Amino acid sequence: MFTGIIQSVGQVVFKQQTKGDFSFVVKTNFKEVSDIELGDSIACNGVCLTVTEVDGDKISLDVSLETLSKTQVADWQIGSAINLEKSLTLKDKLGGHLVSGHVDAVALCVGIETSARSTIYQFKIPQELDKYIVKKGSVALNGVSLTVNGIKDGVLSVNLIPHTLEQTNLGQLKLDDRVNIEIDTIARYVEKMLPDFKSSLL
């Protein structure tokens, strides 16, 4: 489990395709790396991945075909900037919202507009996700916990303050770039429980 508060922006230093899936090595740039162990979960652009090897501040990661089909991980190249967050512990602050690292789909950047010192980004999302996103609700984009400015006709709008632009890779986004999107987990449970709740009222 994660919070959507990015702790470091790492860089891909190795990429290898093997039988259709990929292996990566990422230089983490974490301030503290002694607590990273083999088998740990790290959110990489919002994707929960397992550490398969630790070499100083570099971690190795294997990415399955399932993950490749749901995310933009295949877009990563040597030098790509990757948002990183270690998994949540019970003593950590929950500064964002509960993020599982189970990406729902890929969203496309379709609008970038300056708003004073901030930047408003618009993303085209898969139509089936529209119902799970509400204005002033939470969403994770490339692992970053963000507040929804608005949602209309499958286009999601978020406002990024200077700190977010500087401390994550979202500040590097260009039109037509793809990002990983994860909806608020609570919405999934509400949808599943709602039919039973309606039945109980009849």
N, C-alpha and C. Protein backbone atom coordinates (compact mmCIF):
# COMPACT_ATOMS: atom_id res chain seq x y z
N MET A 1 0.84 -1.18 0.00
CA MET A 1 0.00 0.00 0.00
C MET A 1 0.88 1.24 0.00
N PHE A 2 0.41 2.30 -0.67
CA PHE A 2 1.18 3.53 -0.81
C PHE A 2 0.27 4.72 -0.52
N THR A 3 0.87 5.93 -0.53
CA THR A 3 0.10 7.13 -0.21
C THR A 3 -0.01 8.08 -1.40
N GLY A 4 0.79 7.87 -2.44
CA GLY A 4 0.78 8.79 -3.56
C GLY A 4 1.63 10.02 -3.34
N ILE A 5 2.46 10.01 -2.27
CA ILE A 5 3.42 11.08 -2.02
C ILE A 5 4.79 10.60 -2.50
N ILE A 6 5.26 11.17 -3.59
CA ILE A 6 6.49 10.68 -4.22
C ILE A 6 7.70 11.01 -3.36
N GLN A 7 8.56 10.02 -3.16
CA GLN A 7 9.74 10.19 -2.31
C GLN A 7 11.01 10.46 -3.10
N SER A 8 11.00 10.09 -4.38
CA SER A 8 12.19 10.28 -5.20
C SER A 8 11.81 10.13 -6.66
N VAL A 9 12.57 10.79 -7.52
CA VAL A 9 12.45 10.56 -8.96
C VAL A 9 13.72 9.84 -9.41
N GLY A 10 13.56 8.57 -9.80
CA GLY A 10 14.69 7.77 -10.24
C GLY A 10 14.86 7.81 -11.74
N GLN A 11 15.88 7.11 -12.22
CA GLN A 11 16.13 7.02 -13.66
C GLN A 11 16.34 5.57 -14.07
N VAL A 12 15.77 5.21 -15.20
CA VAL A 12 16.00 3.88 -15.77
C VAL A 12 17.43 3.84 -16.31
N VAL A 13 18.21 2.85 -15.87
CA VAL A 13 19.59 2.73 -16.34
C VAL A 13 19.82 1.45 -17.14
N PHE A 14 18.79 0.58 -17.15
CA PHE A 14 18.91 -0.67 -17.91
C PHE A 14 17.51 -1.16 -18.27
N LYS A 15 17.36 -1.64 -19.49
CA LYS A 15 16.10 -2.21 -19.95
C LYS A 15 16.40 -3.40 -20.83
N GLN A 16 15.73 -4.52 -20.57
CA GLN A 16 15.95 -5.72 -21.37
C GLN A 16 14.64 -6.44 -21.60
N GLN A 17 14.38 -6.79 -22.84
CA GLN A 17 13.18 -7.57 -23.16
C GLN A 17 13.55 -9.04 -23.20
N THR A 18 12.73 -9.85 -22.51
CA THR A 18 12.99 -11.29 -22.45
C THR A 18 11.68 -12.04 -22.65
N LYS A 19 11.55 -12.68 -23.80
CA LYS A 19 10.36 -13.48 -24.09
C LYS A 19 9.07 -12.67 -23.97
N GLY A 20 9.13 -11.40 -24.35
CA GLY A 20 7.93 -10.59 -24.38
C GLY A 20 7.73 -9.66 -23.21
N ASP A 21 8.30 -9.99 -22.04
CA ASP A 21 8.19 -9.06 -20.92
C ASP A 21 9.53 -8.34 -20.73
N PHE A 22 9.66 -7.56 -19.65
CA PHE A 22 10.83 -6.71 -19.50
C PHE A 22 11.46 -6.83 -18.12
N SER A 23 12.76 -6.58 -18.07
CA SER A 23 13.48 -6.38 -16.82
C SER A 23 14.09 -4.98 -16.86
N PHE A 24 14.08 -4.31 -15.72
CA PHE A 24 14.62 -2.96 -15.63
C PHE A 24 15.56 -2.85 -14.44
N VAL A 25 16.49 -1.93 -14.53
CA VAL A 25 17.26 -1.48 -13.38
C VAL A 25 17.03 0.02 -13.26
N VAL A 26 16.66 0.45 -12.05
CA VAL A 26 16.35 1.86 -11.81
C VAL A 26 17.27 2.40 -10.72
N LYS A 27 17.92 3.50 -11.00
CA LYS A 27 18.68 4.23 -9.99
C LYS A 27 17.68 5.03 -9.19
N THR A 28 17.57 4.77 -7.89
CA THR A 28 16.44 5.26 -7.12
C THR A 28 16.56 6.71 -6.67
N ASN A 29 17.76 7.15 -6.32
CA ASN A 29 17.97 8.50 -5.77
C ASN A 29 17.24 8.72 -4.44
N PHE A 30 16.89 7.63 -3.74
CA PHE A 30 16.33 7.77 -2.40
C PHE A 30 17.38 8.34 -1.46
N LYS A 31 16.96 9.13 -0.48
CA LYS A 31 17.90 9.62 0.53
C LYS A 31 18.42 8.48 1.38
N GLU A 32 17.58 7.48 1.62
CA GLU A 32 17.94 6.32 2.43
C GLU A 32 17.65 5.05 1.64
N VAL A 33 18.66 4.22 1.45
CA VAL A 33 18.47 2.99 0.68
C VAL A 33 18.73 1.73 1.51
N SER A 34 19.23 1.91 2.75
CA SER A 34 19.57 0.74 3.57
C SER A 34 18.34 -0.06 3.98
N ASP A 35 17.15 0.55 3.89
CA ASP A 35 15.93 -0.14 4.29
C ASP A 35 15.28 -0.89 3.13
N ILE A 36 15.86 -0.84 1.94
CA ILE A 36 15.30 -1.57 0.79
C ILE A 36 15.87 -2.98 0.76
N GLU A 37 15.00 -3.96 0.71
CA GLU A 37 15.42 -5.35 0.74
C GLU A 37 14.83 -6.12 -0.44
N LEU A 38 15.44 -7.24 -0.75
CA LEU A 38 14.94 -8.12 -1.80
C LEU A 38 13.49 -8.51 -1.50
N GLY A 39 12.62 -8.36 -2.48
CA GLY A 39 11.22 -8.71 -2.30
C GLY A 39 10.34 -7.56 -1.88
N ASP A 40 10.94 -6.41 -1.57
CA ASP A 40 10.14 -5.24 -1.20
C ASP A 40 9.29 -4.77 -2.38
N SER A 41 8.20 -4.09 -2.05
CA SER A 41 7.36 -3.49 -3.08
C SER A 41 7.70 -1.99 -3.19
N ILE A 42 7.92 -1.54 -4.42
CA ILE A 42 8.18 -0.14 -4.69
C ILE A 42 7.19 0.31 -5.77
N ALA A 43 6.55 1.45 -5.54
CA ALA A 43 5.66 2.01 -6.57
C ALA A 43 6.52 2.79 -7.56
N CYS A 44 6.48 2.37 -8.81
CA CYS A 44 7.27 2.97 -9.88
C CYS A 44 6.30 3.56 -10.90
N ASN A 45 6.20 4.90 -10.93
CA ASN A 45 5.15 5.55 -11.72
C ASN A 45 3.77 5.00 -11.36
N GLY A 46 3.62 4.68 -10.08
CA GLY A 46 2.33 4.20 -9.59
C GLY A 46 2.10 2.71 -9.73
N VAL A 47 3.07 1.99 -10.30
CA VAL A 47 2.93 0.55 -10.49
C VAL A 47 3.66 -0.17 -9.36
N CYS A 48 2.97 -1.00 -8.62
CA CYS A 48 3.59 -1.77 -7.55
C CYS A 48 4.46 -2.87 -8.16
N LEU A 49 5.77 -2.75 -7.99
CA LEU A 49 6.70 -3.73 -8.54
C LEU A 49 7.58 -4.29 -7.43
N THR A 50 8.01 -5.54 -7.62
CA THR A 50 8.81 -6.23 -6.61
C THR A 50 10.29 -6.07 -6.91
N VAL A 51 11.06 -5.73 -5.88
CA VAL A 51 12.51 -5.60 -6.02
C VAL A 51 13.13 -6.99 -6.13
N THR A 52 13.80 -7.26 -7.24
CA THR A 52 14.42 -8.57 -7.46
C THR A 52 15.92 -8.58 -7.18
N GLU A 53 16.50 -7.40 -7.06
CA GLU A 53 17.92 -7.28 -6.72
C GLU A 53 18.19 -5.86 -6.25
N VAL A 54 19.10 -5.74 -5.28
CA VAL A 54 19.50 -4.44 -4.76
C VAL A 54 21.00 -4.29 -4.94
N ASP A 55 21.42 -3.19 -5.55
CA ASP A 55 22.83 -2.91 -5.76
C ASP A 55 23.08 -1.44 -5.42
N GLY A 56 23.41 -1.18 -4.16
CA GLY A 56 23.56 0.20 -3.73
C GLY A 56 22.23 0.93 -3.82
N ASP A 57 22.19 2.01 -4.60
CA ASP A 57 20.92 2.73 -4.77
C ASP A 57 20.20 2.33 -6.05
N LYS A 58 20.60 1.20 -6.63
CA LYS A 58 19.93 0.69 -7.83
C LYS A 58 19.09 -0.53 -7.47
N ILE A 59 17.90 -0.63 -8.07
CA ILE A 59 17.04 -1.78 -7.85
C ILE A 59 16.69 -2.41 -9.20
N SER A 60 16.57 -3.74 -9.20
CA SER A 60 16.15 -4.47 -10.39
C SER A 60 14.69 -4.83 -10.25
N LEU A 61 13.98 -4.81 -11.38
CA LEU A 61 12.54 -5.03 -11.39
C LEU A 61 12.15 -5.87 -12.60
N ASP A 62 11.28 -6.84 -12.41
CA ASP A 62 10.72 -7.61 -13.52
C ASP A 62 9.28 -7.16 -13.73
N VAL A 63 8.88 -7.02 -14.99
CA VAL A 63 7.54 -6.54 -15.32
C VAL A 63 6.84 -7.58 -16.20
N SER A 64 5.70 -8.06 -15.75
CA SER A 64 4.97 -9.12 -16.45
C SER A 64 4.17 -8.59 -17.63
N LEU A 65 3.70 -9.49 -18.45
CA LEU A 65 2.86 -9.12 -19.59
C LEU A 65 1.56 -8.46 -19.13
N GLU A 66 1.00 -8.93 -18.02
CA GLU A 66 -0.23 -8.34 -17.48
C GLU A 66 0.00 -6.87 -17.13
N THR A 67 1.11 -6.60 -16.44
CA THR A 67 1.43 -5.23 -16.08
C THR A 67 1.66 -4.37 -17.31
N LEU A 68 2.35 -4.92 -18.29
CA LEU A 68 2.61 -4.19 -19.53
C LEU A 68 1.32 -3.83 -20.25
N SER A 69 0.31 -4.71 -20.14
CA SER A 69 -0.95 -4.47 -20.85
C SER A 69 -1.80 -3.38 -20.21
N LYS A 70 -1.55 -3.08 -18.93
CA LYS A 70 -2.37 -2.12 -18.19
C LYS A 70 -1.68 -0.79 -17.94
N THR A 71 -0.39 -0.70 -18.24
CA THR A 71 0.39 0.48 -17.85
C THR A 71 1.22 1.00 -19.03
N GLN A 72 1.95 2.08 -18.75
CA GLN A 72 2.84 2.62 -19.78
C GLN A 72 4.30 2.24 -19.53
N VAL A 73 4.52 1.17 -18.76
CA VAL A 73 5.88 0.74 -18.43
C VAL A 73 6.69 0.42 -19.68
N ALA A 74 6.05 -0.12 -20.70
CA ALA A 74 6.78 -0.43 -21.94
C ALA A 74 7.36 0.82 -22.60
N ASP A 75 6.83 2.00 -22.24
CA ASP A 75 7.34 3.26 -22.79
C ASP A 75 8.67 3.66 -22.16
N TRP A 76 9.02 3.09 -21.00
CA TRP A 76 10.25 3.48 -20.32
C TRP A 76 11.46 3.18 -21.19
N GLN A 77 12.37 4.13 -21.22
CA GLN A 77 13.62 3.98 -21.95
C GLN A 77 14.78 4.32 -21.02
N ILE A 78 16.00 4.01 -21.43
CA ILE A 78 17.16 4.39 -20.64
C ILE A 78 17.13 5.90 -20.44
N GLY A 79 17.20 6.33 -19.18
CA GLY A 79 17.14 7.75 -18.86
C GLY A 79 15.77 8.26 -18.48
N SER A 80 14.73 7.46 -18.68
CA SER A 80 13.38 7.88 -18.30
C SER A 80 13.31 8.19 -16.80
N ALA A 81 12.63 9.28 -16.46
CA ALA A 81 12.43 9.66 -15.07
C ALA A 81 11.22 8.91 -14.51
N ILE A 82 11.39 8.27 -13.36
CA ILE A 82 10.35 7.43 -12.77
C ILE A 82 10.03 7.89 -11.35
N ASN A 83 8.75 8.16 -11.09
CA ASN A 83 8.31 8.49 -9.73
C ASN A 83 8.41 7.25 -8.85
N LEU A 84 9.02 7.41 -7.67
CA LEU A 84 9.23 6.26 -6.79
C LEU A 84 8.66 6.53 -5.39
N GLU A 85 8.06 5.49 -4.82
CA GLU A 85 7.59 5.55 -3.44
C GLU A 85 7.73 4.17 -2.80
N LYS A 86 8.35 4.13 -1.64
CA LYS A 86 8.44 2.88 -0.88
C LYS A 86 7.06 2.57 -0.29
N SER A 87 6.84 1.30 0.03
CA SER A 87 5.53 0.91 0.57
C SER A 87 5.32 1.52 1.96
N LEU A 88 4.06 1.74 2.27
CA LEU A 88 3.65 2.40 3.50
C LEU A 88 3.89 1.50 4.71
N THR A 89 4.37 2.10 5.81
CA THR A 89 4.46 1.39 7.09
C THR A 89 3.46 2.00 8.04
N LEU A 90 3.18 1.33 9.16
CA LEU A 90 2.16 1.79 10.09
C LEU A 90 2.53 3.10 10.77
N LYS A 91 3.81 3.45 10.76
CA LYS A 91 4.23 4.70 11.42
C LYS A 91 4.28 5.88 10.45
N ASP A 92 4.03 5.64 9.17
CA ASP A 92 4.12 6.70 8.18
C ASP A 92 2.87 7.58 8.17
N LYS A 93 3.06 8.83 7.73
CA LYS A 93 1.93 9.73 7.56
C LYS A 93 1.19 9.38 6.27
N LEU A 94 -0.12 9.45 6.31
CA LEU A 94 -0.93 9.24 5.11
C LEU A 94 -1.23 10.61 4.52
N GLY A 95 -0.24 11.16 3.81
CA GLY A 95 -0.36 12.52 3.32
C GLY A 95 -1.21 12.66 2.08
N GLY A 96 -1.33 11.58 1.30
CA GLY A 96 -2.14 11.64 0.09
C GLY A 96 -3.44 10.89 0.29
N HIS A 97 -3.61 9.76 -0.43
CA HIS A 97 -4.73 8.87 -0.19
C HIS A 97 -4.24 7.44 -0.37
N LEU A 98 -5.04 6.47 -0.01
CA LEU A 98 -4.60 5.08 -0.11
C LEU A 98 -4.49 4.67 -1.57
N VAL A 99 -3.27 4.32 -1.96
CA VAL A 99 -2.97 3.92 -3.34
C VAL A 99 -2.45 2.48 -3.30
N SER A 100 -3.04 1.61 -4.09
CA SER A 100 -2.67 0.20 -4.05
C SER A 100 -1.48 -0.14 -4.95
N GLY A 101 -1.24 0.70 -5.96
CA GLY A 101 -0.20 0.37 -6.93
C GLY A 101 -0.69 -0.56 -8.02
N HIS A 102 -2.02 -0.80 -8.04
CA HIS A 102 -2.63 -1.64 -9.07
C HIS A 102 -3.28 -0.72 -10.10
N VAL A 103 -2.51 -0.39 -11.11
CA VAL A 103 -2.94 0.59 -12.12
C VAL A 103 -4.13 0.06 -12.90
N ASP A 104 -5.10 0.95 -13.15
CA ASP A 104 -6.31 0.57 -13.87
C ASP A 104 -6.14 0.66 -15.38
N ALA A 105 -5.43 1.68 -15.83
CA ALA A 105 -5.33 1.91 -17.27
C ALA A 105 -4.30 3.00 -17.53
N VAL A 106 -4.18 3.36 -18.79
CA VAL A 106 -3.29 4.44 -19.22
C VAL A 106 -4.15 5.61 -19.67
N ALA A 107 -3.78 6.82 -19.25
CA ALA A 107 -4.46 8.04 -19.66
C ALA A 107 -3.55 8.84 -20.58
N LEU A 108 -4.15 9.62 -21.47
CA LEU A 108 -3.40 10.39 -22.46
C LEU A 108 -3.49 11.88 -22.14
N CYS A 109 -2.34 12.54 -22.10
CA CYS A 109 -2.32 13.98 -21.84
C CYS A 109 -2.83 14.72 -23.07
N VAL A 110 -3.95 15.44 -22.91
CA VAL A 110 -4.56 16.12 -24.06
C VAL A 110 -4.64 17.64 -23.87
N GLY A 111 -4.18 18.13 -22.72
CA GLY A 111 -4.23 19.57 -22.51
C GLY A 111 -3.27 20.00 -21.43
N ILE A 112 -2.56 21.12 -21.67
CA ILE A 112 -1.65 21.71 -20.68
C ILE A 112 -1.87 23.22 -20.71
N GLU A 113 -2.20 23.79 -19.54
CA GLU A 113 -2.51 25.21 -19.49
C GLU A 113 -1.94 25.82 -18.22
N THR A 114 -1.23 26.93 -18.36
CA THR A 114 -0.67 27.62 -17.21
C THR A 114 -1.76 28.36 -16.45
N SER A 115 -1.71 28.26 -15.11
CA SER A 115 -2.68 28.94 -14.25
C SER A 115 -1.90 29.57 -13.09
N ALA A 116 -1.55 30.86 -13.25
CA ALA A 116 -0.67 31.54 -12.28
C ALA A 116 0.63 30.72 -12.17
N ARG A 117 1.00 30.29 -10.95
CA ARG A 117 2.24 29.51 -10.80
C ARG A 117 2.02 28.01 -10.97
N SER A 118 0.77 27.62 -11.15
CA SER A 118 0.45 26.20 -11.30
C SER A 118 0.20 25.86 -12.77
N THR A 119 0.00 24.58 -13.03
CA THR A 119 -0.30 24.12 -14.38
C THR A 119 -1.49 23.17 -14.32
N ILE A 120 -2.45 23.41 -15.20
CA ILE A 120 -3.62 22.53 -15.30
C ILE A 120 -3.38 21.54 -16.43
N TYR A 121 -3.48 20.27 -16.09
CA TYR A 121 -3.32 19.19 -17.06
C TYR A 121 -4.66 18.51 -17.29
N GLN A 122 -4.91 18.14 -18.52
CA GLN A 122 -6.10 17.37 -18.85
C GLN A 122 -5.68 16.03 -19.45
N PHE A 123 -6.40 14.99 -19.05
CA PHE A 123 -6.08 13.64 -19.49
C PHE A 123 -7.34 12.94 -20.01
N LYS A 124 -7.23 12.34 -21.15
CA LYS A 124 -8.31 11.51 -21.69
C LYS A 124 -8.18 10.14 -21.06
N ILE A 125 -9.25 9.70 -20.41
CA ILE A 125 -9.22 8.42 -19.71
C ILE A 125 -10.16 7.45 -20.39
N PRO A 126 -9.97 6.13 -20.20
CA PRO A 126 -10.93 5.17 -20.73
C PRO A 126 -12.33 5.45 -20.22
N GLN A 127 -13.31 5.37 -21.08
CA GLN A 127 -14.68 5.74 -20.73
C GLN A 127 -15.20 4.96 -19.53
N GLU A 128 -14.78 3.70 -19.38
CA GLU A 128 -15.31 2.88 -18.30
C GLU A 128 -14.84 3.35 -16.92
N LEU A 129 -13.81 4.20 -16.87
CA LEU A 129 -13.33 4.70 -15.59
C LEU A 129 -14.02 6.00 -15.16
N ASP A 130 -14.70 6.64 -16.08
CA ASP A 130 -15.31 7.94 -15.82
C ASP A 130 -16.20 7.92 -14.58
N LYS A 131 -16.99 6.87 -14.41
CA LYS A 131 -17.97 6.82 -13.31
C LYS A 131 -17.32 6.74 -11.94
N TYR A 132 -16.04 6.35 -11.89
CA TYR A 132 -15.36 6.21 -10.60
C TYR A 132 -14.69 7.50 -10.13
N ILE A 133 -14.67 8.51 -10.97
CA ILE A 133 -13.94 9.74 -10.66
C ILE A 133 -14.91 10.89 -10.45
N VAL A 134 -14.75 11.61 -9.35
CA VAL A 134 -15.64 12.72 -9.03
C VAL A 134 -14.83 13.98 -8.74
N LYS A 135 -15.44 15.11 -9.00
CA LYS A 135 -14.79 16.39 -8.71
C LYS A 135 -14.44 16.48 -7.23
N LYS A 136 -13.21 16.90 -6.95
CA LYS A 136 -12.64 17.01 -5.61
C LYS A 136 -12.36 15.66 -4.97
N GLY A 137 -12.50 14.59 -5.74
CA GLY A 137 -12.09 13.28 -5.27
C GLY A 137 -10.60 13.08 -5.49
N SER A 138 -10.11 11.88 -5.24
CA SER A 138 -8.69 11.59 -5.38
C SER A 138 -8.44 10.65 -6.55
N VAL A 139 -7.28 10.82 -7.18
CA VAL A 139 -6.85 9.95 -8.26
C VAL A 139 -5.33 9.91 -8.22
N ALA A 140 -4.74 8.80 -8.66
CA ALA A 140 -3.28 8.69 -8.73
C ALA A 140 -2.86 8.68 -10.20
N LEU A 141 -1.98 9.60 -10.57
CA LEU A 141 -1.43 9.66 -11.92
C LEU A 141 0.08 9.49 -11.82
N ASN A 142 0.60 8.45 -12.48
CA ASN A 142 2.02 8.09 -12.34
C ASN A 142 2.41 7.98 -10.87
N GLY A 143 1.45 7.52 -10.06
CA GLY A 143 1.72 7.30 -8.65
C GLY A 143 1.57 8.51 -7.77
N VAL A 144 1.22 9.66 -8.34
CA VAL A 144 1.08 10.90 -7.59
C VAL A 144 -0.37 11.08 -7.15
N SER A 145 -0.59 11.24 -5.85
CA SER A 145 -1.93 11.48 -5.33
C SER A 145 -2.35 12.91 -5.68
N LEU A 146 -3.46 13.04 -6.42
CA LEU A 146 -3.92 14.34 -6.89
C LEU A 146 -5.41 14.52 -6.62
N THR A 147 -5.81 15.76 -6.47
CA THR A 147 -7.23 16.11 -6.33
C THR A 147 -7.81 16.39 -7.71
N VAL A 148 -8.98 15.84 -7.96
CA VAL A 148 -9.64 16.03 -9.26
C VAL A 148 -10.24 17.42 -9.34
N ASN A 149 -9.82 18.20 -10.33
CA ASN A 149 -10.42 19.52 -10.57
C ASN A 149 -11.80 19.37 -11.21
N GLY A 150 -11.87 18.45 -12.17
CA GLY A 150 -13.11 18.23 -12.87
C GLY A 150 -13.03 16.99 -13.74
N ILE A 151 -14.19 16.46 -14.12
CA ILE A 151 -14.25 15.30 -15.00
C ILE A 151 -15.48 15.48 -15.90
N LYS A 152 -15.27 15.45 -17.21
CA LYS A 152 -16.37 15.63 -18.14
C LYS A 152 -16.06 14.94 -19.45
N ASP A 153 -17.00 14.11 -19.89
CA ASP A 153 -16.87 13.42 -21.18
C ASP A 153 -15.55 12.67 -21.29
N GLY A 154 -15.16 12.02 -20.20
CA GLY A 154 -13.97 11.20 -20.23
C GLY A 154 -12.67 11.97 -20.21
N VAL A 155 -12.72 13.26 -19.86
CA VAL A 155 -11.51 14.07 -19.74
C VAL A 155 -11.36 14.53 -18.29
N LEU A 156 -10.26 14.14 -17.69
CA LEU A 156 -9.94 14.44 -16.30
C LEU A 156 -9.04 15.67 -16.24
N SER A 157 -9.34 16.58 -15.31
CA SER A 157 -8.54 17.79 -15.14
C SER A 157 -7.96 17.83 -13.74
N VAL A 158 -6.65 18.12 -13.65
CA VAL A 158 -5.98 18.25 -12.36
C VAL A 158 -5.11 19.49 -12.37
N ASN A 159 -4.91 20.07 -11.19
CA ASN A 159 -4.07 21.26 -11.05
C ASN A 159 -2.80 20.87 -10.30
N LEU A 160 -1.64 21.14 -10.90
CA LEU A 160 -0.37 20.79 -10.28
C LEU A 160 0.34 22.06 -9.81
N ILE A 161 0.63 22.10 -8.51
CA ILE A 161 1.34 23.23 -7.93
C ILE A 161 2.83 23.11 -8.24
N PRO A 162 3.60 24.21 -8.08
CA PRO A 162 5.03 24.16 -8.40
C PRO A 162 5.79 23.04 -7.70
N HIS A 163 5.47 22.76 -6.43
CA HIS A 163 6.17 21.70 -5.71
C HIS A 163 6.01 20.35 -6.41
N THR A 164 4.79 20.03 -6.81
CA THR A 164 4.53 18.76 -7.50
C THR A 164 5.26 18.71 -8.84
N LEU A 165 5.27 19.82 -9.55
CA LEU A 165 5.95 19.88 -10.85
C LEU A 165 7.45 19.66 -10.69
N GLU A 166 8.01 20.15 -9.58
CA GLU A 166 9.45 20.04 -9.35
C GLU A 166 9.87 18.68 -8.77
N GLN A 167 9.00 18.08 -7.95
CA GLN A 167 9.38 16.89 -7.20
C GLN A 167 8.91 15.58 -7.83
N THR A 168 8.21 15.65 -8.96
CA THR A 168 7.76 14.44 -9.66
C THR A 168 8.06 14.57 -11.14
N ASN A 169 7.81 13.50 -11.89
CA ASN A 169 8.06 13.57 -13.33
C ASN A 169 6.89 14.16 -14.10
N LEU A 170 5.82 14.55 -13.40
CA LEU A 170 4.67 15.13 -14.09
C LEU A 170 5.01 16.49 -14.71
N GLY A 171 6.00 17.17 -14.15
CA GLY A 171 6.41 18.44 -14.71
C GLY A 171 7.08 18.32 -16.07
N GLN A 172 7.44 17.09 -16.46
CA GLN A 172 8.08 16.86 -17.75
C GLN A 172 7.08 16.45 -18.84
N LEU A 173 5.80 16.35 -18.46
CA LEU A 173 4.80 15.85 -19.40
C LEU A 173 4.63 16.78 -20.59
N LYS A 174 4.40 16.16 -21.74
CA LYS A 174 4.08 16.87 -22.97
C LYS A 174 2.76 16.33 -23.51
N LEU A 175 2.15 17.07 -24.42
CA LEU A 175 0.93 16.59 -25.05
C LEU A 175 1.16 15.23 -25.68
N ASP A 176 0.20 14.34 -25.55
CA ASP A 176 0.20 12.98 -26.08
C ASP A 176 1.07 12.02 -25.27
N ASP A 177 1.68 12.49 -24.17
CA ASP A 177 2.36 11.55 -23.28
C ASP A 177 1.32 10.71 -22.55
N ARG A 178 1.72 9.50 -22.19
CA ARG A 178 0.83 8.57 -21.49
C ARG A 178 1.24 8.47 -20.03
N VAL A 179 0.23 8.38 -19.15
CA VAL A 179 0.48 8.22 -17.72
C VAL A 179 -0.37 7.08 -17.19
N ASN A 180 0.11 6.49 -16.09
CA ASN A 180 -0.65 5.44 -15.42
C ASN A 180 -1.71 6.08 -14.53
N ILE A 181 -2.92 5.54 -14.55
CA ILE A 181 -3.99 6.06 -13.71
C ILE A 181 -4.55 4.95 -12.83
N GLU A 182 -4.73 5.29 -11.55
CA GLU A 182 -5.39 4.39 -10.61
C GLU A 182 -6.52 5.15 -9.93
N ILE A 183 -7.72 4.62 -10.01
CA ILE A 183 -8.85 5.26 -9.37
C ILE A 183 -8.81 5.01 -7.86
N ASP A 184 -9.58 5.79 -7.13
CA ASP A 184 -9.67 5.63 -5.68
C ASP A 184 -10.26 4.25 -5.36
N THR A 185 -9.55 3.48 -4.56
CA THR A 185 -9.97 2.11 -4.24
C THR A 185 -11.37 2.07 -3.62
N ILE A 186 -11.74 3.08 -2.85
CA ILE A 186 -13.05 3.10 -2.19
C ILE A 186 -14.17 3.00 -3.21
N ALA A 187 -13.98 3.61 -4.38
CA ALA A 187 -15.02 3.58 -5.42
C ALA A 187 -15.32 2.16 -5.88
N ARG A 188 -14.30 1.32 -5.90
CA ARG A 188 -14.51 -0.07 -6.32
C ARG A 188 -15.45 -0.79 -5.34
N TYR A 189 -15.20 -0.60 -4.05
CA TYR A 189 -16.02 -1.27 -3.04
C TYR A 189 -17.45 -0.75 -3.04
N VAL A 190 -17.60 0.55 -3.22
CA VAL A 190 -18.95 1.13 -3.26
C VAL A 190 -19.75 0.52 -4.41
N GLU A 191 -19.11 0.40 -5.58
CA GLU A 191 -19.80 -0.16 -6.73
C GLU A 191 -20.24 -1.60 -6.48
N LYS A 192 -19.37 -2.39 -5.84
CA LYS A 192 -19.70 -3.80 -5.61
C LYS A 192 -20.80 -3.96 -4.57
N MET A 193 -20.81 -3.09 -3.56
CA MET A 193 -21.79 -3.21 -2.48
C MET A 193 -23.14 -2.60 -2.83
N LEU A 194 -23.17 -1.68 -3.78
CA LEU A 194 -24.39 -0.94 -4.08
C LEU A 194 -25.58 -1.81 -4.49
N PRO A 195 -25.38 -2.84 -5.36
CA PRO A 195 -26.53 -3.67 -5.71
C PRO A 195 -27.19 -4.35 -4.52
N ASP A 196 -26.39 -4.85 -3.57
CA ASP A 196 -26.92 -5.48 -2.37
C ASP A 196 -27.66 -4.47 -1.51
N PHE A 197 -27.12 -3.24 -1.45
CA PHE A 197 -27.77 -2.21 -0.65
C PHE A 197 -29.13 -1.83 -1.25
N LYS A 198 -29.18 -1.73 -2.58
CA LYS A 198 -30.44 -1.41 -3.24
C LYS A 198 -31.47 -2.52 -3.02
N SER A 199 -30.99 -3.78 -3.08
CA SER A 199 -31.89 -4.91 -2.88
C SER A 199 -32.49 -4.91 -1.48
N SER A 200 -31.69 -4.49 -0.50
CA SER A 200 -32.17 -4.49 0.89
C SER A 200 -33.26 -3.44 1.12
N LEU A 201 -33.34 -2.44 0.22
CA LEU A 201 -34.34 -1.40 0.36
C LEU A 201 -35.67 -1.76 -0.27
N LEU A 202 -35.67 -2.82 -1.10
CA LEU A 202 -36.89 -3.22 -1.79
C LEU A 202 -37.80 -4.04 -0.88
